[in-house]
Amino acid sequence: MLERLDERFLGRTVADGGEALRPYVHALREGQALGERWYRRPVNVPWL
């Protein structure tokens, strides 16, 4: 089941280097590495 959820997440997100979250996540501003999922954003961002 976890593999299927991972596939869904990866299929609905794209890597953006953490740009979408950078203003909101202190660790990204400091240059600290986070898990790879922090560096992805939704393909279709409904709130933009």
N, C-alpha and C. Protein backbone atom coordinates (compact mmCIF):
# COMPACT_ATOMS: atom_id res chain seq x y z
N MET A 1 0.82 -1.18 0.00
CA MET A 1 0.00 0.00 0.00
C MET A 1 0.88 1.27 0.00
N LEU A 2 1.94 1.25 0.76
CA LEU A 2 2.82 2.42 0.82
C LEU A 2 3.45 2.71 -0.55
N GLU A 3 3.81 1.66 -1.26
CA GLU A 3 4.37 1.86 -2.60
C GLU A 3 3.36 2.54 -3.52
N ARG A 4 2.10 2.15 -3.42
CA ARG A 4 1.06 2.78 -4.25
C ARG A 4 0.89 4.25 -3.89
N LEU A 5 0.92 4.56 -2.60
CA LEU A 5 0.81 5.95 -2.17
C LEU A 5 2.00 6.77 -2.65
N ASP A 6 3.20 6.20 -2.57
CA ASP A 6 4.39 6.89 -3.07
C ASP A 6 4.27 7.17 -4.57
N GLU A 7 3.79 6.19 -5.32
CA GLU A 7 3.61 6.37 -6.76
C GLU A 7 2.61 7.49 -7.05
N ARG A 8 1.52 7.53 -6.31
CA ARG A 8 0.52 8.60 -6.50
C ARG A 8 1.12 9.96 -6.20
N PHE A 9 1.87 10.05 -5.10
CA PHE A 9 2.49 11.32 -4.74
C PHE A 9 3.46 11.77 -5.83
N LEU A 10 4.33 10.88 -6.26
CA LEU A 10 5.31 11.24 -7.28
C LEU A 10 4.64 11.58 -8.61
N GLY A 11 3.53 10.92 -8.92
CA GLY A 11 2.82 11.18 -10.16
C GLY A 11 2.08 12.51 -10.18
N ARG A 12 1.79 13.04 -9.01
CA ARG A 12 1.02 14.28 -8.92
C ARG A 12 1.85 15.47 -8.46
N THR A 13 3.16 15.26 -8.35
CA THR A 13 4.05 16.35 -7.95
C THR A 13 5.24 16.42 -8.91
N VAL A 14 5.91 17.56 -8.90
CA VAL A 14 7.12 17.74 -9.69
C VAL A 14 8.21 18.32 -8.79
N ALA A 15 9.45 18.00 -9.10
CA ALA A 15 10.57 18.54 -8.34
C ALA A 15 10.72 20.02 -8.67
N ASP A 16 10.87 20.84 -7.63
CA ASP A 16 11.07 22.28 -7.86
C ASP A 16 12.22 22.83 -7.03
N GLY A 17 13.01 21.94 -6.44
CA GLY A 17 14.14 22.38 -5.65
C GLY A 17 13.75 23.03 -4.33
N GLY A 18 12.49 22.92 -3.95
CA GLY A 18 12.01 23.50 -2.70
C GLY A 18 11.57 24.95 -2.82
N GLU A 19 11.52 25.48 -4.04
CA GLU A 19 11.17 26.89 -4.25
C GLU A 19 9.79 27.25 -3.71
N ALA A 20 8.82 26.36 -3.87
CA ALA A 20 7.46 26.68 -3.42
C ALA A 20 7.38 26.86 -1.91
N LEU A 21 8.21 26.14 -1.16
CA LEU A 21 8.16 26.22 0.31
C LEU A 21 9.22 27.12 0.92
N ARG A 22 10.19 27.53 0.13
CA ARG A 22 11.32 28.29 0.67
C ARG A 22 10.90 29.47 1.56
N PRO A 23 9.89 30.27 1.20
CA PRO A 23 9.53 31.39 2.07
C PRO A 23 8.95 30.96 3.42
N TYR A 24 8.51 29.72 3.53
CA TYR A 24 7.79 29.28 4.72
C TYR A 24 8.56 28.32 5.61
N VAL A 25 9.62 27.73 5.09
CA VAL A 25 10.36 26.71 5.85
C VAL A 25 11.75 27.22 6.17
N HIS A 26 12.01 27.43 7.43
CA HIS A 26 13.28 27.99 7.89
C HIS A 26 14.48 27.17 7.41
N ALA A 27 14.38 25.85 7.46
CA ALA A 27 15.50 25.00 7.06
C ALA A 27 15.89 25.21 5.60
N LEU A 28 14.92 25.45 4.74
CA LEU A 28 15.23 25.69 3.33
C LEU A 28 15.96 27.01 3.16
N ARG A 29 15.61 28.01 3.94
CA ARG A 29 16.30 29.29 3.86
C ARG A 29 17.73 29.18 4.34
N GLU A 30 17.96 28.29 5.32
CA GLU A 30 19.29 28.12 5.89
C GLU A 30 20.15 27.19 5.05
N GLY A 31 19.54 26.53 4.04
CA GLY A 31 20.29 25.63 3.19
C GLY A 31 20.44 24.22 3.74
N GLN A 32 19.69 23.88 4.78
CA GLN A 32 19.75 22.53 5.33
C GLN A 32 18.97 21.57 4.43
N ALA A 33 19.45 20.38 4.34
CA ALA A 33 18.79 19.37 3.52
C ALA A 33 17.60 18.77 4.27
N LEU A 34 16.50 18.61 3.57
CA LEU A 34 15.32 17.94 4.11
C LEU A 34 15.04 16.72 3.24
N GLY A 35 14.06 15.94 3.61
CA GLY A 35 13.68 14.78 2.81
C GLY A 35 13.25 15.22 1.41
N GLU A 36 13.40 14.33 0.46
CA GLU A 36 13.15 14.68 -0.95
C GLU A 36 11.74 15.20 -1.21
N ARG A 37 10.77 14.79 -0.42
CA ARG A 37 9.40 15.25 -0.65
C ARG A 37 9.23 16.74 -0.38
N TRP A 38 10.08 17.33 0.42
CA TRP A 38 10.03 18.76 0.68
C TRP A 38 10.41 19.57 -0.55
N TYR A 39 11.04 18.95 -1.50
CA TYR A 39 11.52 19.64 -2.70
C TYR A 39 10.62 19.40 -3.90
N ARG A 40 9.37 19.04 -3.64
CA ARG A 40 8.39 18.81 -4.70
C ARG A 40 7.19 19.70 -4.47
N ARG A 41 6.45 19.95 -5.52
CA ARG A 41 5.22 20.73 -5.43
C ARG A 41 4.16 20.04 -6.30
N PRO A 42 2.88 20.33 -6.05
CA PRO A 42 1.83 19.74 -6.88
C PRO A 42 1.97 20.16 -8.34
N VAL A 43 1.60 19.26 -9.24
CA VAL A 43 1.61 19.58 -10.67
C VAL A 43 0.65 20.73 -10.92
N ASN A 44 -0.57 20.62 -10.43
CA ASN A 44 -1.57 21.67 -10.55
C ASN A 44 -1.76 22.31 -9.17
N VAL A 45 -1.33 23.54 -9.03
CA VAL A 45 -1.44 24.23 -7.76
C VAL A 45 -2.76 25.00 -7.75
N PRO A 46 -3.78 24.50 -7.02
CA PRO A 46 -5.12 25.10 -7.08
C PRO A 46 -5.21 26.49 -6.47
N TRP A 47 -4.28 26.86 -5.60
CA TRP A 47 -4.39 28.14 -4.91
C TRP A 47 -3.63 29.26 -5.61
N LEU A 48 -3.02 28.98 -6.77
CA LEU A 48 -2.34 30.05 -7.52
C LEU A 48 -3.18 30.53 -8.67
